[in-house]
Amino acid sequence: MTRTTLGFAMGLVGCLAVAAQAARFEVQQEPDGVTVQLDGKLLTRYLIKSGAKPILWPLIGPYGDAVTRQYPMGEALPDEKSDHPHQRSFWFTHGDVNGVSFWLEGEQGGHIVHKEFLKVAGGDTAVICTRNEWIAPGDKKMCEDVRTLTFGTCGEGVWIDFDSTVTATNGPLKFGDTKEGSFGVRVAGSMGVDTKKGGQIVNSDGLTDQGAWGKQAPWVDYHGPVNGKTVGIAILNHPTSFRFPTYWHVRTYGLFTANPFGVHDFTGGKGNGDHALQAGESFTLRYRVLIHKGDEKEGQVAQAYEAYAKTPKP
């Protein structure tokens, strides 16, 4: 057995060991969203409206501390910047939908409006499935999405699968080419590379920090200290996801998003990422967010990606 195969097998053994210990997710539906607990402790809350969209916040890491930014949902913590108020913890939007920005927030921007929960369930895994409408200024509906968030554990890590199908329910639809998108997180301020406390970005090709921006890759990891302990957030792109492997709009100040549409910006004008749909057509994005201890090696991100890539998707 090769060293790589052995490491992958050990990673799977870790997942099976946790499953044998029966980690338990509890979910509580409330007027403003859903609270998710893992073994009796808060993991996150799904908020149906924060600013102009649904989000997850807070997102608690393996040592009991939040691994995404507090601001603007709460007061900025030390090492956090009070900037980019649209970058809210864990979200999915896009900066050009039929010419309307759902990325920025304000009177000229669009809103993603929660319409209904399709499923909320706990157990060995947890599931939150919702239907949402994308509404432009003037109350004009652009499209809908159905997003499913599935929560599970692997070793000492927690993963969240984000699967979203966007459908052109109200006529032709275009997701335009812009770097301002689409799915991702804003990491805790102390984890940011620019904070200079040890934070680092690394992708599956070994490119780091600014070198990882605008590149295509199956996965990217962003790790750094929170309360003196190194933690990481990896985003993995499933091979069946639209335009796999995605481009990454990942910044040293803490923004960390997957964006398969911003081809022009990411390639220096060598391509165009517009995606047009006719009425009734859809596309599906599939990502796994892995929250882990340590850097990408300690967190076994490469092995976790190999397991995720083999996970069947409908």
C-alpha atoms as a PDB file:
ATOM      1  CA  MET A   1       0.000   0.000   0.000  1.00  0.00           C
ATOM      2  CA  THR A   2       1.437   3.397  -0.982  1.00  0.00           C
ATOM      3  CA  ARG A   3       1.807   6.245   1.503  1.00  0.00           C
ATOM      4  CA  THR A   4      -0.968   8.181  -0.283  1.00  0.00           C
ATOM      5  CA  THR A   5      -3.322   5.188  -0.252  1.00  0.00           C
ATOM      6  CA  LEU A   6      -2.537   4.529   3.409  1.00  0.00           C
ATOM      7  CA  GLY A   7      -3.297   8.153   4.325  1.00  0.00           C
ATOM      8  CA  PHE A   8      -6.592   8.029   2.427  1.00  0.00           C
ATOM      9  CA  ALA A   9      -7.543   4.769   4.117  1.00  0.00           C
ATOM     10  CA  MET A  10      -6.702   6.192   7.560  1.00  0.00           C
ATOM     11  CA  GLY A  11      -8.853   9.229   6.784  1.00  0.00           C
ATOM     12  CA  LEU A  12     -11.785   6.963   5.966  1.00  0.00           C
ATOM     13  CA  VAL A  13     -11.181   4.971   9.146  1.00  0.00           C
ATOM     14  CA  GLY A  14     -11.404   8.241  11.105  1.00  0.00           C
ATOM     15  CA  CYS A  15     -14.781   8.977   9.502  1.00  0.00           C
ATOM     16  CA  LEU A  16     -16.038   5.488  10.316  1.00  0.00           C
ATOM     17  CA  ALA A  17     -14.850   5.785  13.908  1.00  0.00           C
ATOM     18  CA  VAL A  18     -16.835   8.984  14.379  1.00  0.00           C
ATOM     19  CA  ALA A  19     -19.869   7.369  12.782  1.00  0.00           C
ATOM     20  CA  ALA A  20     -19.527   4.481  15.253  1.00  0.00           C
ATOM     21  CA  GLN A  21     -19.552   7.010  18.107  1.00  0.00           C
ATOM     22  CA  ALA A  22     -22.894   8.270  16.756  1.00  0.00           C
ATOM     23  CA  ALA A  23     -22.335  12.010  16.539  1.00  0.00           C
ATOM     24  CA  ARG A  24     -25.796  13.502  16.752  1.00  0.00           C
ATOM     25  CA  PHE A  25     -27.222  16.575  15.059  1.00  0.00           C
ATOM     26  CA  GLU A  26     -30.245  18.303  16.525  1.00  0.00           C
ATOM     27  CA  VAL A  27     -32.190  20.928  14.555  1.00  0.00           C
ATOM     28  CA  GLN A  28     -34.732  23.418  15.813  1.00  0.00           C
ATOM     29  CA  GLN A  29     -36.873  25.376  13.358  1.00  0.00           C
ATOM     30  CA  GLU A  30     -37.627  28.939  14.505  1.00  0.00           C
ATOM     31  CA  PRO A  31     -39.332  32.011  12.980  1.00  0.00           C
ATOM     32  CA  ASP A  32     -36.026  33.438  11.682  1.00  0.00           C
ATOM     33  CA  GLY A  33     -34.392  30.183  10.636  1.00  0.00           C
ATOM     34  CA  VAL A  34     -32.975  26.915  11.978  1.00  0.00           C
ATOM     35  CA  THR A  35     -30.526  26.236  14.815  1.00  0.00           C
ATOM     36  CA  VAL A  36     -28.176  23.284  14.321  1.00  0.00           C
ATOM     37  CA  GLN A  37     -26.497  21.650  17.319  1.00  0.00           C
ATOM     38  CA  LEU A  38     -23.892  18.895  17.270  1.00  0.00           C
ATOM     39  CA  ASP A  39     -23.802  16.668  20.356  1.00  0.00           C
ATOM     40  CA  GLY A  40     -25.681  19.320  22.334  1.00  0.00           C
ATOM     41  CA  LYS A  41     -23.468  22.265  21.350  1.00  0.00           C
ATOM     42  CA  LEU A  42     -24.224  25.047  18.874  1.00  0.00           C
ATOM     43  CA  LEU A  43     -22.733  24.444  15.436  1.00  0.00           C
ATOM     44  CA  THR A  44     -24.495  27.125  13.397  1.00  0.00           C
ATOM     45  CA  ARG A  45     -27.772  28.894  12.634  1.00  0.00           C
ATOM     46  CA  TYR A  46     -29.395  29.105   9.214  1.00  0.00           C
ATOM     47  CA  LEU A  47     -30.825  32.629   9.052  1.00  0.00           C
ATOM     48  CA  ILE A  48     -33.485  33.069   6.374  1.00  0.00           C
ATOM     49  CA  LYS A  49     -32.655  36.778   6.103  1.00  0.00           C
ATOM     50  CA  SER A  50     -29.467  38.675   6.955  1.00  0.00           C
ATOM     51  CA  GLY A  51     -29.012  41.809   4.920  1.00  0.00           C
ATOM     52  CA  ALA A  52     -30.275  40.730   1.500  1.00  0.00           C
ATOM     53  CA  LYS A  53     -29.966  36.951   1.698  1.00  0.00           C
ATOM     54  CA  PRO A  54     -30.029  33.743   3.742  1.00  0.00           C
ATOM     55  CA  ILE A  55     -26.770  32.864   5.504  1.00  0.00           C
ATOM     56  CA  LEU A  56     -25.191  30.561   8.075  1.00  0.00           C
ATOM     57  CA  TRP A  57     -23.957  32.392  11.184  1.00  0.00           C
ATOM     58  CA  PRO A  58     -22.209  31.843  13.476  1.00  0.00           C
ATOM     59  CA  LEU A  59     -20.160  28.870  12.289  1.00  0.00           C
ATOM     60  CA  ILE A  60     -18.394  27.181  15.199  1.00  0.00           C
ATOM     61  CA  GLY A  61     -15.081  25.389  14.729  1.00  0.00           C
ATOM     62  CA  PRO A  62     -13.520  22.343  16.421  1.00  0.00           C
ATOM     63  CA  TYR A  63     -12.250  24.261  19.470  1.00  0.00           C
ATOM     64  CA  GLY A  64     -15.558  25.979  20.176  1.00  0.00           C
ATOM     65  CA  ASP A  65     -14.746  29.318  18.509  1.00  0.00           C
ATOM     66  CA  ALA A  66     -16.376  30.947  15.471  1.00  0.00           C
ATOM     67  CA  VAL A  67     -14.361  30.403  12.289  1.00  0.00           C
ATOM     68  CA  THR A  68     -16.241  32.978  10.210  1.00  0.00           C
ATOM     69  CA  ARG A  69     -16.349  36.741  10.721  1.00  0.00           C
ATOM     70  CA  GLN A  70     -18.666  38.256  13.318  1.00  0.00           C
ATOM     71  CA  TYR A  71     -19.263  41.547  11.456  1.00  0.00           C
ATOM     72  CA  PRO A  72     -21.758  42.811  10.287  1.00  0.00           C
ATOM     73  CA  MET A  73     -24.177  40.526  12.126  1.00  0.00           C
ATOM     74  CA  GLY A  74     -22.525  41.604  15.401  1.00  0.00           C
ATOM     75  CA  GLU A  75     -19.810  43.992  16.560  1.00  0.00           C
ATOM     76  CA  ALA A  76     -16.444  43.465  14.878  1.00  0.00           C
ATOM     77  CA  LEU A  77     -14.029  41.446  17.018  1.00  0.00           C
ATOM     78  CA  PRO A  78     -10.294  42.174  17.387  1.00  0.00           C
ATOM     79  CA  ASP A  79      -8.502  41.515  14.070  1.00  0.00           C
ATOM     80  CA  GLU A  80     -11.784  41.977  12.159  1.00  0.00           C
ATOM     81  CA  LYS A  81     -12.324  44.763   9.666  1.00  0.00           C
ATOM     82  CA  SER A  82     -15.653  46.560   9.381  1.00  0.00           C
ATOM     83  CA  ASP A  83     -15.617  46.354   5.597  1.00  0.00           C
ATOM     84  CA  HIS A  84     -17.639  44.672   2.858  1.00  0.00           C
ATOM     85  CA  PRO A  85     -20.873  44.346   4.866  1.00  0.00           C
ATOM     86  CA  HIS A  86     -22.285  42.066   2.166  1.00  0.00           C
ATOM     87  CA  GLN A  87     -19.719  39.370   3.060  1.00  0.00           C
ATOM     88  CA  ARG A  88     -21.824  37.656   5.712  1.00  0.00           C
ATOM     89  CA  SER A  89     -20.202  34.545   7.181  1.00  0.00           C
ATOM     90  CA  PHE A  90     -21.470  31.837   4.745  1.00  0.00           C
ATOM     91  CA  TRP A  91     -23.628  32.709   1.741  1.00  0.00           C
ATOM     92  CA  PHE A  92     -24.479  32.270  -1.944  1.00  0.00           C
ATOM     93  CA  THR A  93     -25.197  35.188  -4.298  1.00  0.00           C
ATOM     94  CA  HIS A  94     -23.908  36.599  -7.588  1.00  0.00           C
ATOM     95  CA  GLY A  95     -22.939  40.032  -8.849  1.00  0.00           C
ATOM     96  CA  ASP A  96     -24.641  39.991 -12.271  1.00  0.00           C
ATOM     97  CA  VAL A  97     -28.003  38.276 -12.722  1.00  0.00           C
ATOM     98  CA  ASN A  98     -29.699  39.758 -15.784  1.00  0.00           C
ATOM     99  CA  GLY A  99     -27.629  42.857 -15.050  1.00  0.00           C
ATOM    100  CA  VAL A 100     -28.656  43.112 -11.388  1.00  0.00           C
ATOM    101  CA  SER A 101     -26.161  42.709  -8.536  1.00  0.00           C
ATOM    102  CA  PHE A 102     -27.223  40.308  -5.824  1.00  0.00           C
ATOM    103  CA  TRP A 103     -23.669  40.496  -4.416  1.00  0.00           C
ATOM    104  CA  LEU A 104     -23.669  44.046  -3.080  1.00  0.00           C
ATOM    105  CA  GLU A 105     -26.394  45.230  -0.736  1.00  0.00           C
ATOM    106  CA  GLY A 106     -28.423  48.396  -1.157  1.00  0.00           C
ATOM    107  CA  GLU A 107     -31.415  49.906  -2.905  1.00  0.00           C
ATOM    108  CA  GLN A 108     -30.053  49.106  -6.354  1.00  0.00           C
ATOM    109  CA  GLY A 109     -29.277  45.499  -5.524  1.00  0.00           C
ATOM    110  CA  GLY A 110     -31.367  42.376  -5.554  1.00  0.00           C
ATOM    111  CA  HIS A 111     -32.642  40.297  -2.639  1.00  0.00           C
ATOM    112  CA  ILE A 112     -32.750  36.526  -2.252  1.00  0.00           C
ATOM    113  CA  VAL A 113     -36.039  35.862  -0.468  1.00  0.00           C
ATOM    114  CA  HIS A 114     -36.660  32.680   1.508  1.00  0.00           C
ATOM    115  CA  LYS A 115     -40.018  31.206   0.504  1.00  0.00           C
ATOM    116  CA  GLU A 116     -40.242  27.847   2.267  1.00  0.00           C
ATOM    117  CA  PHE A 117     -38.446  25.027   4.017  1.00  0.00           C
ATOM    118  CA  LEU A 118     -38.699  21.843   1.988  1.00  0.00           C
ATOM    119  CA  LYS A 119     -36.972  19.688   4.609  1.00  0.00           C
ATOM    120  CA  VAL A 120     -35.487  20.170   8.073  1.00  0.00           C
ATOM    121  CA  ALA A 121     -34.155  17.036   9.767  1.00  0.00           C
ATOM    122  CA  GLY A 122     -31.546  15.934  12.304  1.00  0.00           C
ATOM    123  CA  GLY A 123     -29.907  12.664  13.268  1.00  0.00           C
ATOM    124  CA  ASP A 124     -26.503  11.219  12.339  1.00  0.00           C
ATOM    125  CA  THR A 125     -26.551  13.952   9.694  1.00  0.00           C
ATOM    126  CA  ALA A 126     -28.682  17.080   9.455  1.00  0.00           C
ATOM    127  CA  VAL A 127     -30.459  18.506   6.405  1.00  0.00           C
ATOM    128  CA  ILE A 128     -31.874  21.938   5.660  1.00  0.00           C
ATOM    129  CA  CYS A 129     -33.518  22.300   2.245  1.00  0.00           C
ATOM    130  CA  THR A 130     -35.114  25.567   1.142  1.00  0.00           C
ATOM    131  CA  ARG A 131     -36.702  27.244  -1.872  1.00  0.00           C
ATOM    132  CA  ASN A 132     -35.735  30.855  -2.533  1.00  0.00           C
ATOM    133  CA  GLU A 133     -36.679  33.568  -5.028  1.00  0.00           C
ATOM    134  CA  TRP A 134     -34.204  36.071  -6.491  1.00  0.00           C
ATOM    135  CA  ILE A 135     -36.009  39.430  -6.569  1.00  0.00           C
ATOM    136  CA  ALA A 136     -34.680  42.485  -8.440  1.00  0.00           C
ATOM    137  CA  PRO A 137     -35.547  46.116  -7.589  1.00  0.00           C
ATOM    138  CA  GLY A 138     -39.161  46.838  -8.479  1.00  0.00           C
ATOM    139  CA  ASP A 139     -40.182  43.443  -7.060  1.00  0.00           C
ATOM    140  CA  LYS A 140     -39.266  41.670 -10.303  1.00  0.00           C
ATOM    141  CA  LYS A 141     -38.605  37.973  -9.887  1.00  0.00           C
ATOM    142  CA  MET A 142     -35.511  36.800 -11.778  1.00  0.00           C
ATOM    143  CA  CYS A 143     -35.231  33.128 -10.873  1.00  0.00           C
ATOM    144  CA  GLU A 144     -35.455  30.568  -8.075  1.00  0.00           C
ATOM    145  CA  ASP A 145     -33.028  28.287  -6.329  1.00  0.00           C
ATOM    146  CA  VAL A 146     -33.481  25.173  -4.270  1.00  0.00           C
ATOM    147  CA  ARG A 147     -30.538  24.742  -1.913  1.00  0.00           C
ATOM    148  CA  THR A 148     -29.786  21.774   0.300  1.00  0.00           C
ATOM    149  CA  LEU A 149     -27.345  22.005   3.195  1.00  0.00           C
ATOM    150  CA  THR A 150     -26.287  18.636   4.589  1.00  0.00           C
ATOM    151  CA  PHE A 151     -24.202  18.468   7.778  1.00  0.00           C
ATOM    152  CA  GLY A 152     -21.921  15.594   8.758  1.00  0.00           C
ATOM    153  CA  THR A 153     -18.711  14.707  10.587  1.00  0.00           C
ATOM    154  CA  CYS A 154     -15.415  13.138   9.552  1.00  0.00           C
ATOM    155  CA  GLY A 155     -12.748  12.491  12.159  1.00  0.00           C
ATOM    156  CA  GLU A 156     -12.550  15.651  14.233  1.00  0.00           C
ATOM    157  CA  GLY A 157     -13.876  17.727  11.345  1.00  0.00           C
ATOM    158  CA  VAL A 158     -17.352  18.862  10.412  1.00  0.00           C
ATOM    159  CA  TRP A 159     -18.516  19.156   6.817  1.00  0.00           C
ATOM    160  CA  ILE A 160     -21.397  21.010   5.213  1.00  0.00           C
ATOM    161  CA  ASP A 161     -22.483  20.052   1.712  1.00  0.00           C
ATOM    162  CA  PHE A 162     -24.036  22.938  -0.209  1.00  0.00           C
ATOM    163  CA  ASP A 163     -25.995  21.837  -3.277  1.00  0.00           C
ATOM    164  CA  SER A 164     -27.957  24.516  -5.102  1.00  0.00           C
ATOM    165  CA  THR A 165     -29.981  24.288  -8.298  1.00  0.00           C
ATOM    166  CA  VAL A 166     -30.805  27.630  -9.928  1.00  0.00           C
ATOM    167  CA  THR A 167     -33.745  27.582 -12.360  1.00  0.00           C
ATOM    168  CA  ALA A 168     -34.863  30.232 -14.859  1.00  0.00           C
ATOM    169  CA  THR A 169     -38.461  30.293 -13.655  1.00  0.00           C
ATOM    170  CA  ASN A 170     -39.337  33.711 -15.084  1.00  0.00           C
ATOM    171  CA  GLY A 171     -38.002  33.835 -18.614  1.00  0.00           C
ATOM    172  CA  PRO A 172     -34.440  33.911 -19.973  1.00  0.00           C
ATOM    173  CA  LEU A 173     -31.686  34.240 -17.389  1.00  0.00           C
ATOM    174  CA  LYS A 174     -28.011  35.192 -17.556  1.00  0.00           C
ATOM    175  CA  PHE A 175     -25.449  34.802 -14.819  1.00  0.00           C
ATOM    176  CA  GLY A 176     -22.901  37.311 -16.043  1.00  0.00           C
ATOM    177  CA  ASP A 177     -19.124  37.274 -16.032  1.00  0.00           C
ATOM    178  CA  THR A 178     -17.953  39.052 -12.878  1.00  0.00           C
ATOM    179  CA  LYS A 179     -15.518  38.220 -10.104  1.00  0.00           C
ATOM    180  CA  GLU A 180     -18.164  39.332  -7.573  1.00  0.00           C
ATOM    181  CA  GLY A 181     -19.523  35.933  -6.647  1.00  0.00           C
ATOM    182  CA  SER A 182     -20.653  33.404  -5.826  1.00  0.00           C
ATOM    183  CA  PHE A 183     -20.580  30.788  -3.013  1.00  0.00           C
ATOM    184  CA  GLY A 184     -18.332  30.999   0.002  1.00  0.00           C
ATOM    185  CA  VAL A 185     -17.368  32.374   3.380  1.00  0.00           C
ATOM    186  CA  ARG A 186     -15.597  35.278   5.076  1.00  0.00           C
ATOM    187  CA  VAL A 187     -13.078  33.726   7.452  1.00  0.00           C
ATOM    188  CA  ALA A 188     -12.475  34.928  11.002  1.00  0.00           C
ATOM    189  CA  GLY A 189     -10.288  38.054  11.039  1.00  0.00           C
ATOM    190  CA  SER A 190      -7.371  36.405  12.829  1.00  0.00           C
ATOM    191  CA  MET A 191      -7.201  33.728  10.093  1.00  0.00           C
ATOM    192  CA  GLY A 192      -6.699  36.255   7.293  1.00  0.00           C
ATOM    193  CA  VAL A 193      -3.310  36.237   5.588  1.00  0.00           C
ATOM    194  CA  ASP A 194      -3.105  40.051   5.838  1.00  0.00           C
ATOM    195  CA  THR A 195      -3.448  39.879   9.632  1.00  0.00           C
ATOM    196  CA  LYS A 196       0.051  38.325   9.620  1.00  0.00           C
ATOM    197  CA  LYS A 197      -0.608  35.861  12.417  1.00  0.00           C
ATOM    198  CA  GLY A 198       0.085  32.770  10.344  1.00  0.00           C
ATOM    199  CA  GLY A 199      -2.943  32.592   8.075  1.00  0.00           C
ATOM    200  CA  GLN A 200      -2.451  30.922   4.706  1.00  0.00           C
ATOM    201  CA  ILE A 201      -4.381  30.077   1.553  1.00  0.00           C
ATOM    202  CA  VAL A 202      -3.341  26.918  -0.301  1.00  0.00           C
ATOM    203  CA  ASN A 203      -4.989  25.144  -3.223  1.00  0.00           C
ATOM    204  CA  SER A 204      -4.843  21.589  -4.530  1.00  0.00           C
ATOM    205  CA  ASP A 205      -1.956  22.518  -6.866  1.00  0.00           C
ATOM    206  CA  GLY A 206       0.124  23.942  -4.004  1.00  0.00           C
ATOM    207  CA  LEU A 207      -0.408  27.588  -4.977  1.00  0.00           C
ATOM    208  CA  THR A 208      -0.575  29.846  -1.948  1.00  0.00           C
ATOM    209  CA  ASP A 209      -2.019  33.182  -0.869  1.00  0.00           C
ATOM    210  CA  GLN A 210      -2.281  35.674  -3.770  1.00  0.00           C
ATOM    211  CA  GLY A 211      -1.082  32.963  -6.136  1.00  0.00           C
ATOM    212  CA  ALA A 212      -4.312  31.014  -5.573  1.00  0.00           C
ATOM    213  CA  TRP A 213      -6.578  33.915  -6.606  1.00  0.00           C
ATOM    214  CA  GLY A 214      -8.416  33.435  -9.894  1.00  0.00           C
ATOM    215  CA  LYS A 215      -7.078  29.916 -10.472  1.00  0.00           C
ATOM    216  CA  GLN A 216      -9.091  26.795 -11.176  1.00  0.00           C
ATOM    217  CA  ALA A 217      -8.729  24.000  -8.622  1.00  0.00           C
ATOM    218  CA  PRO A 218     -10.788  21.147  -7.151  1.00  0.00           C
ATOM    219  CA  TRP A 219     -10.234  22.509  -3.630  1.00  0.00           C
ATOM    220  CA  VAL A 220      -8.802  25.405  -1.653  1.00  0.00           C
ATOM    221  CA  ASP A 221      -7.981  25.585   2.056  1.00  0.00           C
ATOM    222  CA  TYR A 222      -7.830  28.736   4.211  1.00  0.00           C
ATOM    223  CA  HIS A 223      -6.292  28.187   7.646  1.00  0.00           C
ATOM    224  CA  GLY A 224      -4.981  30.332  10.474  1.00  0.00           C
ATOM    225  CA  PRO A 225      -5.224  30.961  14.213  1.00  0.00           C
ATOM    226  CA  VAL A 226      -8.406  31.568  16.197  1.00  0.00           C
ATOM    227  CA  ASN A 227      -7.786  32.172  19.919  1.00  0.00           C
ATOM    228  CA  GLY A 228      -4.267  30.819  19.514  1.00  0.00           C
ATOM    229  CA  LYS A 229      -5.215  27.519  17.867  1.00  0.00           C
ATOM    230  CA  THR A 230      -4.861  26.826  14.151  1.00  0.00           C
ATOM    231  CA  VAL A 231      -8.085  25.914  12.372  1.00  0.00           C
ATOM    232  CA  GLY A 232      -9.001  25.695   8.723  1.00  0.00           C
ATOM    233  CA  ILE A 233     -11.891  25.978   6.316  1.00  0.00           C
ATOM    234  CA  ALA A 234     -11.601  24.051   3.064  1.00  0.00           C
ATOM    235  CA  ILE A 235     -14.069  24.330   0.191  1.00  0.00           C
ATOM    236  CA  LEU A 236     -14.207  21.287  -2.078  1.00  0.00           C
ATOM    237  CA  ASN A 237     -15.798  21.326  -5.536  1.00  0.00           C
ATOM    238  CA  HIS A 238     -17.648  18.166  -6.582  1.00  0.00           C
ATOM    239  CA  PRO A 239     -16.786  16.844 -10.081  1.00  0.00           C
ATOM    240  CA  THR A 240     -20.474  16.993 -11.076  1.00  0.00           C
ATOM    241  CA  SER A 241     -20.753  20.685 -10.179  1.00  0.00           C
ATOM    242  CA  PHE A 242     -21.346  23.225 -12.947  1.00  0.00           C
ATOM    243  CA  ARG A 243     -18.038  24.130 -14.650  1.00  0.00           C
ATOM    244  CA  PHE A 244     -15.850  21.944 -12.447  1.00  0.00           C
ATOM    245  CA  PRO A 245     -13.129  22.744 -11.467  1.00  0.00           C
ATOM    246  CA  THR A 246     -14.296  26.173 -10.414  1.00  0.00           C
ATOM    247  CA  TYR A 247     -12.319  29.406 -10.318  1.00  0.00           C
ATOM    248  CA  TRP A 248     -11.639  30.881  -6.875  1.00  0.00           C
ATOM    249  CA  HIS A 249     -12.205  34.468  -5.745  1.00  0.00           C
ATOM    250  CA  VAL A 250     -10.105  34.054  -2.594  1.00  0.00           C
ATOM    251  CA  ARG A 251      -8.436  37.079  -1.015  1.00  0.00           C
ATOM    252  CA  THR A 252      -5.698  37.506   1.575  1.00  0.00           C
ATOM    253  CA  TYR A 253      -7.986  39.802   3.616  1.00  0.00           C
ATOM    254  CA  GLY A 254     -10.396  36.899   4.289  1.00  0.00           C
ATOM    255  CA  LEU A 255     -12.882  36.576   1.413  1.00  0.00           C
ATOM    256  CA  PHE A 256     -13.094  32.955   0.233  1.00  0.00           C
ATOM    257  CA  THR A 257     -15.497  32.134  -2.601  1.00  0.00           C
ATOM    258  CA  ALA A 258     -15.923  29.698  -5.471  1.00  0.00           C
ATOM    259  CA  ASN A 259     -16.970  31.473  -8.670  1.00  0.00           C
ATOM    260  CA  PRO A 260     -17.310  29.588 -11.981  1.00  0.00           C
ATOM    261  CA  PHE A 261     -18.565  32.692 -13.803  1.00  0.00           C
ATOM    262  CA  GLY A 262     -15.772  35.298 -13.474  1.00  0.00           C
ATOM    263  CA  VAL A 263     -13.641  33.948 -16.300  1.00  0.00           C
ATOM    264  CA  HIS A 264     -12.804  37.323 -17.883  1.00  0.00           C
ATOM    265  CA  ASP A 265     -11.478  38.764 -14.624  1.00  0.00           C
ATOM    266  CA  PHE A 266      -9.639  35.630 -13.580  1.00  0.00           C
ATOM    267  CA  THR A 267      -7.919  34.997 -16.925  1.00  0.00           C
ATOM    268  CA  GLY A 268      -6.990  38.576 -17.746  1.00  0.00           C
ATOM    269  CA  GLY A 269      -9.575  38.881 -20.507  1.00  0.00           C
ATOM    270  CA  LYS A 270      -8.847  35.535 -22.192  1.00  0.00           C
ATOM    271  CA  GLY A 271     -12.378  34.168 -21.862  1.00  0.00           C
ATOM    272  CA  ASN A 272     -15.973  34.929 -21.031  1.00  0.00           C
ATOM    273  CA  GLY A 273     -17.895  33.340 -18.173  1.00  0.00           C
ATOM    274  CA  ASP A 274     -21.438  34.397 -19.064  1.00  0.00           C
ATOM    275  CA  HIS A 275     -23.958  31.608 -18.697  1.00  0.00           C
ATOM    276  CA  ALA A 276     -27.343  32.022 -20.359  1.00  0.00           C
ATOM    277  CA  LEU A 277     -30.399  29.878 -19.683  1.00  0.00           C
ATOM    278  CA  GLN A 278     -33.697  29.724 -21.467  1.00  0.00           C
ATOM    279  CA  ALA A 279     -36.925  29.623 -19.479  1.00  0.00           C
ATOM    280  CA  GLY A 280     -37.123  26.420 -17.468  1.00  0.00           C
ATOM    281  CA  GLU A 281     -33.409  25.559 -17.699  1.00  0.00           C
ATOM    282  CA  SER A 282     -31.217  25.017 -14.640  1.00  0.00           C
ATOM    283  CA  PHE A 283     -27.659  24.602 -13.450  1.00  0.00           C
ATOM    284  CA  THR A 284     -26.404  23.031 -10.205  1.00  0.00           C
ATOM    285  CA  LEU A 285     -23.485  23.993  -7.983  1.00  0.00           C
ATOM    286  CA  ARG A 286     -22.068  21.476  -5.507  1.00  0.00           C
ATOM    287  CA  TYR A 287     -19.539  22.255  -2.771  1.00  0.00           C
ATOM    288  CA  ARG A 288     -18.426  20.785   0.538  1.00  0.00           C
ATOM    289  CA  VAL A 289     -17.180  23.084   3.296  1.00  0.00           C
ATOM    290  CA  LEU A 290     -14.835  21.217   5.636  1.00  0.00           C
ATOM    291  CA  ILE A 291     -14.034  22.773   9.031  1.00  0.00           C
ATOM    292  CA  HIS A 292     -10.940  21.182  10.529  1.00  0.00           C
ATOM    293  CA  LYS A 293      -8.095  21.451  13.012  1.00  0.00           C
ATOM    294  CA  GLY A 294      -4.667  22.581  11.848  1.00  0.00           C
ATOM    295  CA  ASP A 295      -3.467  23.304   8.334  1.00  0.00           C
ATOM    296  CA  GLU A 296      -4.487  21.465   5.177  1.00  0.00           C
ATOM    297  CA  LYS A 297      -2.146  18.566   6.003  1.00  0.00           C
ATOM    298  CA  GLU A 298      -3.322  18.038   9.564  1.00  0.00           C
ATOM    299  CA  GLY A 299      -6.895  18.453   8.351  1.00  0.00           C
ATOM    300  CA  GLN A 300      -6.304  15.799   5.646  1.00  0.00           C
ATOM    301  CA  VAL A 301      -7.984  18.011   3.083  1.00  0.00           C
ATOM    302  CA  ALA A 302      -6.601  16.163   0.049  1.00  0.00           C
ATOM    303  CA  GLN A 303      -7.897  12.850   1.415  1.00  0.00           C
ATOM    304  CA  ALA A 304     -11.232  14.427   2.308  1.00  0.00           C
ATOM    305  CA  TYR A 305     -11.530  15.688  -1.261  1.00  0.00           C
ATOM    306  CA  GLU A 306     -10.883  12.218  -2.703  1.00  0.00           C
ATOM    307  CA  ALA A 307     -13.688  10.813  -0.537  1.00  0.00           C
ATOM    308  CA  TYR A 308     -16.052  13.661  -1.432  1.00  0.00           C
ATOM    309  CA  ALA A 309     -15.335  13.355  -5.153  1.00  0.00           C
ATOM    310  CA  LYS A 310     -16.533   9.728  -4.991  1.00  0.00           C
ATOM    311  CA  THR A 311     -19.759  10.652  -3.195  1.00  0.00           C
ATOM    312  CA  PRO A 312     -22.699  10.044  -5.566  1.00  0.00           C
ATOM    313  CA  LYS A 313     -24.857  13.064  -6.339  1.00  0.00           C
ATOM    314  CA  PRO A 314     -28.371  12.916  -7.820  1.00  0.00           C
END
